[in-house]
Each structure stands twice: as C-alpha cells, then as structure tokens.
Protein backbone atom coordinates (compact mmCIF):
# COMPACT_ATOMS: atom_id res chain seq x y z
CA UNK A 1 114.76 111.88 121.97
CA UNK A 2 116.55 115.24 121.37
CA UNK A 3 114.64 117.74 119.28
CA UNK A 4 115.90 118.50 115.79
CA UNK A 5 117.01 122.08 115.13
CA UNK A 6 114.44 124.23 113.34
CA UNK A 7 115.35 124.87 109.71
CA UNK A 8 113.27 127.80 108.52
CA UNK A 9 113.63 129.20 105.00
CA UNK A 10 115.20 132.61 104.49
CA UNK A 11 112.17 134.86 103.98
CA UNK A 12 111.67 138.55 103.26
CA UNK A 13 108.59 138.58 105.47
CA UNK A 14 106.73 136.60 108.14
CA UNK A 15 106.64 132.82 108.34
CA UNK A 16 103.20 131.12 108.33
CA UNK A 17 103.03 129.45 111.73
CA UNK A 18 99.72 127.72 110.96
CA UNK A 19 99.06 126.18 107.55
CA UNK A 20 96.11 124.25 106.14
CA UNK A 21 96.14 122.30 102.88
CA UNK A 22 93.33 121.17 100.59
CA UNK A 23 94.96 118.10 99.05
CA UNK A 24 93.21 117.97 95.69
CA UNK A 25 93.87 116.02 92.51
CA UNK A 26 94.85 112.48 93.54
CA UNK A 27 92.33 110.85 91.20
CA UNK A 28 92.96 113.35 88.42
CA UNK A 29 96.69 112.71 88.57
CA UNK A 30 96.20 108.94 88.33
CA UNK A 31 93.65 109.13 85.52
CA UNK A 32 95.95 111.44 83.58
CA UNK A 33 98.55 108.68 83.65
CA UNK A 34 96.08 105.98 82.65
CA UNK A 35 96.03 104.52 86.17
CA UNK A 36 93.19 103.73 88.55
CA UNK A 37 92.30 106.47 91.03
CA UNK A 38 93.56 104.38 93.95
CA UNK A 39 97.12 104.80 92.69
CA UNK A 40 96.72 108.54 93.09
CA UNK A 41 95.53 108.14 96.67
CA UNK A 42 98.47 105.87 97.45
CA UNK A 43 100.95 108.34 95.99
CA UNK A 44 99.18 111.16 97.82
CA UNK A 45 99.71 109.41 101.17
CA UNK A 46 103.46 109.39 100.52
CA UNK A 47 103.34 113.12 99.83
CA UNK A 48 101.59 113.65 103.18
CA UNK A 49 104.59 112.10 104.93
CA UNK A 50 107.10 114.33 103.11
CA UNK A 51 105.16 117.58 103.53
CA UNK A 52 104.32 116.90 107.17
CA UNK A 53 107.99 116.23 107.92
CA UNK A 54 109.05 119.38 106.06
CA UNK A 55 106.59 121.53 108.02
CA UNK A 56 107.77 120.03 111.31
CA UNK A 57 111.41 120.65 110.40
CA UNK A 58 110.56 124.31 109.75
CA UNK A 59 109.09 124.60 113.24
CA UNK A 60 105.51 125.16 112.10
CA UNK A 61 102.97 125.31 114.92
CA UNK A 62 100.07 123.60 113.18
CA UNK A 63 99.34 121.78 109.91
CA UNK A 64 95.74 120.86 109.05
CA UNK A 65 95.14 118.52 106.10
CA UNK A 66 91.78 118.08 104.39
CA UNK A 67 91.89 114.29 104.17
CA UNK A 68 88.24 113.22 103.74
CA UNK A 69 85.18 115.46 103.52
CA UNK A 70 81.60 114.75 104.51
CA UNK A 71 80.79 114.95 100.81
CA UNK A 72 83.36 112.24 100.03
CA UNK A 73 80.98 109.63 101.48
CA UNK A 74 79.08 110.02 98.19
CA UNK A 75 81.95 108.47 96.24
CA UNK A 76 81.76 104.86 94.98
CA UNK A 77 81.73 102.39 97.85
CA UNK A 78 84.81 100.59 96.53
CA UNK A 79 86.84 103.80 96.56
CA UNK A 80 85.66 104.66 100.08
CA UNK A 81 86.68 101.22 101.36
CA UNK A 82 90.13 101.67 99.85
CA UNK A 83 90.50 105.17 101.35
CA UNK A 84 89.56 103.88 104.81
CA UNK A 85 92.09 101.02 104.54
CA UNK A 86 94.71 103.51 103.36
CA UNK A 87 93.91 105.81 106.29
CA UNK A 88 94.25 102.98 108.81
CA UNK A 89 97.54 101.85 107.32
CA UNK A 90 98.88 105.40 107.25
CA UNK A 91 97.99 105.96 110.91
CA UNK A 92 99.98 102.87 111.91
CA UNK A 93 102.94 103.20 109.55
CA UNK A 94 103.51 106.89 110.27
CA UNK A 95 103.73 106.54 114.06
CA UNK A 96 107.56 106.35 113.99
CA UNK A 97 107.71 109.46 111.79
CA UNK A 98 105.34 111.33 114.09
CA UNK A 99 107.36 110.40 117.16
CA UNK A 100 110.73 111.12 115.54
CA UNK A 101 109.55 114.60 114.55
CA UNK A 102 107.77 115.32 117.86
CA UNK A 103 104.40 115.69 116.08
CA UNK A 104 101.08 115.50 117.90
CA UNK A 105 98.23 114.03 115.81
CA UNK A 106 94.61 115.10 116.16
CA UNK A 107 91.52 114.19 114.13
CA UNK A 108 88.76 116.71 113.50
CA UNK A 109 85.37 116.17 111.92
CA UNK A 110 82.42 113.86 112.43
CA UNK A 111 84.81 111.14 113.51
CA UNK A 112 82.02 108.84 114.70
CA UNK A 113 81.14 108.36 111.02
CA UNK A 114 84.43 106.52 110.42
CA UNK A 115 84.42 102.70 110.37
CA UNK A 116 85.37 101.10 113.68
CA UNK A 117 88.86 100.03 112.57
CA UNK A 118 90.16 103.38 111.29
CA UNK A 119 88.53 105.20 114.21
CA UNK A 120 90.19 102.97 116.81
CA UNK A 121 93.54 103.34 115.04
CA UNK A 122 93.13 107.12 114.94
CA UNK A 123 92.38 107.26 118.66
CA UNK A 124 95.39 105.08 119.45
CA UNK A 125 97.70 107.26 117.34
CA UNK A 126 96.31 110.35 119.07
CA UNK A 127 97.06 108.72 122.43
CA UNK A 128 100.59 107.70 121.48
CA UNK A 129 101.50 111.19 120.24
CA UNK A 130 99.60 113.19 122.87
CA UNK A 131 102.72 114.15 124.83
CA UNK A 132 104.66 115.37 121.80
CA UNK A 133 105.32 119.09 122.01
CA UNK A 134 106.26 120.04 118.45
CA UNK A 135 103.90 120.66 115.56
CA UNK A 136 100.27 119.54 115.74
CA UNK A 137 99.05 117.66 112.68
CA UNK A 138 95.28 117.73 112.29
CA UNK A 139 93.59 115.36 109.86
CA UNK A 140 90.16 116.61 108.80
CA UNK A 141 88.14 113.39 108.42
CA UNK A 142 84.45 113.22 107.57
CA UNK A 143 84.82 116.97 107.83
CA UNK A 144 82.77 119.87 106.48
CA UNK A 145 82.99 123.50 107.47
CA UNK A 146 79.22 123.95 107.45
CA UNK A 147 78.76 120.73 109.42
CA UNK A 148 81.28 121.95 112.00
CA UNK A 149 79.39 125.22 112.49
CA UNK A 150 76.01 123.44 112.62
CA UNK A 151 77.31 120.93 115.18
CA UNK A 152 78.78 123.76 117.25
CA UNK A 153 75.42 125.57 117.26
CA UNK A 154 73.68 122.38 118.42
CA UNK A 155 76.19 122.10 121.25
CA UNK A 156 75.64 125.73 122.27
CA UNK A 157 71.87 125.22 122.23
CA UNK A 158 72.27 122.17 124.46
CA UNK A 159 74.31 124.19 126.96
CA UNK A 160 71.59 126.85 126.99
CA UNK A 161 68.92 124.17 127.50
CA UNK A 162 70.84 122.75 130.47
CA UNK A 163 71.17 126.22 131.98
CA UNK A 164 74.95 126.12 131.67
CA UNK A 165 75.02 129.09 129.29
CA UNK A 166 73.14 132.39 129.22
CA UNK A 167 72.10 133.29 125.63
CA UNK A 168 73.13 136.88 126.36
CA UNK A 169 76.71 135.70 126.84
CA UNK A 170 77.03 134.01 123.44
CA UNK A 171 79.71 135.55 121.25
CA UNK A 172 82.25 134.41 118.66
CA UNK A 173 84.49 132.82 121.29
CA UNK A 174 81.53 130.85 122.64
CA UNK A 175 81.00 129.28 119.24
CA UNK A 176 84.72 128.66 118.78
CA UNK A 177 84.78 126.76 122.08
CA UNK A 178 82.21 124.35 120.64
CA UNK A 179 84.01 123.60 117.36
CA UNK A 180 85.46 120.12 116.76
CA UNK A 181 88.81 121.19 118.21
CA UNK A 182 88.66 124.64 119.84
CA UNK A 183 92.46 124.70 119.79
CA UNK A 184 92.60 124.57 115.99
CA UNK A 185 94.28 127.89 115.17
CA UNK A 186 93.09 130.14 112.38
CA UNK A 187 95.41 129.20 109.50
CA UNK A 188 97.73 131.94 108.34
CA UNK A 189 97.88 130.26 104.94
CA UNK A 190 95.53 127.89 103.10
CA UNK A 191 97.15 126.03 100.22
CA UNK A 192 95.11 124.29 97.53
CA UNK A 193 96.53 122.00 94.89
CA UNK A 194 95.22 121.10 91.41
CA UNK A 195 94.32 124.67 90.46
CA UNK A 196 90.77 124.90 91.80
CA UNK A 197 89.84 128.34 93.16
CA UNK A 198 87.54 127.38 96.04
CA UNK A 199 87.60 126.38 99.71
CA UNK A 200 85.34 123.35 99.21
CA UNK A 201 83.72 123.64 102.65
CA UNK A 202 87.07 123.58 104.49
CA UNK A 203 87.62 125.47 107.77
CA UNK A 204 84.98 128.06 106.93
CA UNK A 205 85.07 129.50 110.45
CA UNK A 206 88.81 129.44 110.93
CA UNK A 207 89.88 130.54 107.44
CA UNK A 208 87.85 133.76 107.30
CA UNK A 209 91.04 135.88 107.08
CA UNK A 210 93.53 133.30 105.87
CA UNK A 211 95.78 134.02 102.92
CA UNK A 212 95.06 131.70 99.99
CA UNK A 213 97.59 130.10 97.67
CA UNK A 214 96.57 127.91 94.73
CA UNK A 215 99.03 125.91 92.66
CA UNK A 216 98.30 124.00 89.47
CA UNK A 217 100.05 120.75 90.37
CA UNK A 218 97.95 117.88 91.70
CA UNK A 219 98.66 116.68 95.24
CA UNK A 220 100.75 113.63 94.18
CA UNK A 221 103.11 116.11 92.43
CA UNK A 222 103.29 118.52 95.37
CA UNK A 223 106.71 118.62 96.97
CA UNK A 224 108.96 120.73 99.11
CA UNK A 225 109.66 123.15 96.25
CA UNK A 226 105.94 123.86 95.89
CA UNK A 227 105.59 124.21 99.67
CA UNK A 228 108.44 126.73 99.76
CA UNK A 229 106.88 128.66 96.87
CA UNK A 230 103.65 128.97 98.87
CA UNK A 231 105.54 130.08 101.99
CA UNK A 232 107.51 132.70 100.04
CA UNK A 233 104.27 133.97 98.51
CA UNK A 234 102.79 134.35 101.99
CA UNK A 235 105.89 136.19 103.23
CA UNK A 236 105.39 138.84 100.57
CA UNK A 237 101.80 139.70 101.51
CA UNK A 238 100.39 142.37 103.79
CA UNK A 239 97.67 141.07 106.12
CA UNK A 240 95.23 143.81 107.14
CA UNK A 241 92.31 141.85 108.64
CA UNK A 242 89.88 144.47 107.34
CA UNK A 243 91.90 147.40 108.69
CA UNK A 244 94.62 149.70 107.38
CA UNK A 245 98.29 149.15 107.96
CA UNK A 246 101.46 151.14 107.48
CA UNK A 247 102.14 152.84 104.15
CA UNK A 248 99.06 151.29 102.56
CA UNK A 249 96.94 153.84 104.42
CA UNK A 250 98.36 156.80 102.52
CA UNK A 251 97.62 155.16 99.16
CA UNK A 252 93.92 154.66 99.77
CA UNK A 253 92.79 158.28 100.11
CA UNK A 254 89.98 159.48 102.36
CA UNK A 255 87.75 156.90 104.06
CA UNK A 256 84.20 156.57 102.71
C-alpha cells in the first residue's frame, strides 16, 4: 500500500516528533452529561482513533497513550471488566486503520496483568503491525512510571547476579535498556486533558525533560483543533535541557 504524504502544520518552530498523552476525563465527561462512566470510555476510544490518525498523517515518529494505569486496577470490578472488553474490541477493530496508516502498535507496562483475552489480542495486533514503518503507537497498559523503574532495577540486579553485568558499568543507559520498551523515545511533548496539573505516574523516566501542555477539555472532547493548539504551543518554546541557549544566555546575567 503506498504511503500517504505527510501533512505537517505550518509552525513557527520545531515539530514534536514524539508525543505522549494522558487521556484524562472520560468518566467526568460522561457524568457531567448525566451518563454512566462507560459512555465516556466508549467516546474516548473513538477519539483515540481520530488523534492517532492525525498524528500519523503529520508524520510523527511516536505516540504513547496512557490507556490504563496500575492504579486503575483499584476501580470497581464492573468498570474494569468493561474497559478490558473495550480494549479487546479496539485492538481488533482498529487493525485496518493501523495498517492503512502504516502504524506499528506496541504495548508497554505490566502486560502479564491483563486478562488472557485482551493480552492475546494485543500480541496478535503487535504481530500484524510489526512490519509497518510509519509511526509507532504505544499503549501504556497496567502501566506505572514507578513500577517501570522498579522492574528495570530488578532486571539489572538479575543481570548482575548472573554475572552478565558488572555493577561498575551501570549507568543511565543501562537502566534505559531494561525499561518495558527500551526503544520508547523521550517524549518531546506530554499532553494532558481535563485540566489536571500532574503526570500521574506516567513515563517518569522518559519525560524528565518533556514539555508539558495541559488543556481543560476532557478526553472525549479532545479533537484535532486541540492537538494542533498543543503542537503550536510546543513550537513556540525554547528547550534548554538544563543548559543555556542562544539569546537567553545574555538575559540571565552572571552564573552563580
């Protein structure tokens, strides 16, 4: 299938090649309309399709979506069952969209915690899209940033115990290599919906220098206009990564 031409927005600055989104507010949106929370999750799944397609059309390298956290297992059992059914259905129904847009799907998190059905469907969708060469879509499932770091440390310790790793050689890249997906890029931009000003245990390692953008709309209301607003906001920022860059240096005065 021929690749679609990239359609990037006209920006005054850099384009965020790697984006991560905390999709917050599904239940809040539904309750605000007098509906059950499950209606918000269903509407939110439709938004995932639209935003994923938009990011792929822009030629984004990576999109990581916070779909289900380790803390979400504490929700009512009925809601969890619905979310797992919705996940399984999404993974099947979206295969044509993923293939049409040349998107590779990956799951990250404590995936073994997922019920057998959704896990098998996830693995099959990963297999079917493995040869796609466009954007990588990562779904963070049973995911927590602290859990990811703790699990990586356990893996490093095991390598040391086996004699495969010298403790003196451990550095940041060693730990990165033991994360759920070592190829997960550091996001240039982390978007959060529903107005909450926190990371909520999402990509704590990878997002250490990410630009943050928070919008007030709940995820079921998030559309391409809101995505473009976030991208334009990113394009207008200066990323310094703890250093000094360009004309900003002269404005700061002597170093202390």
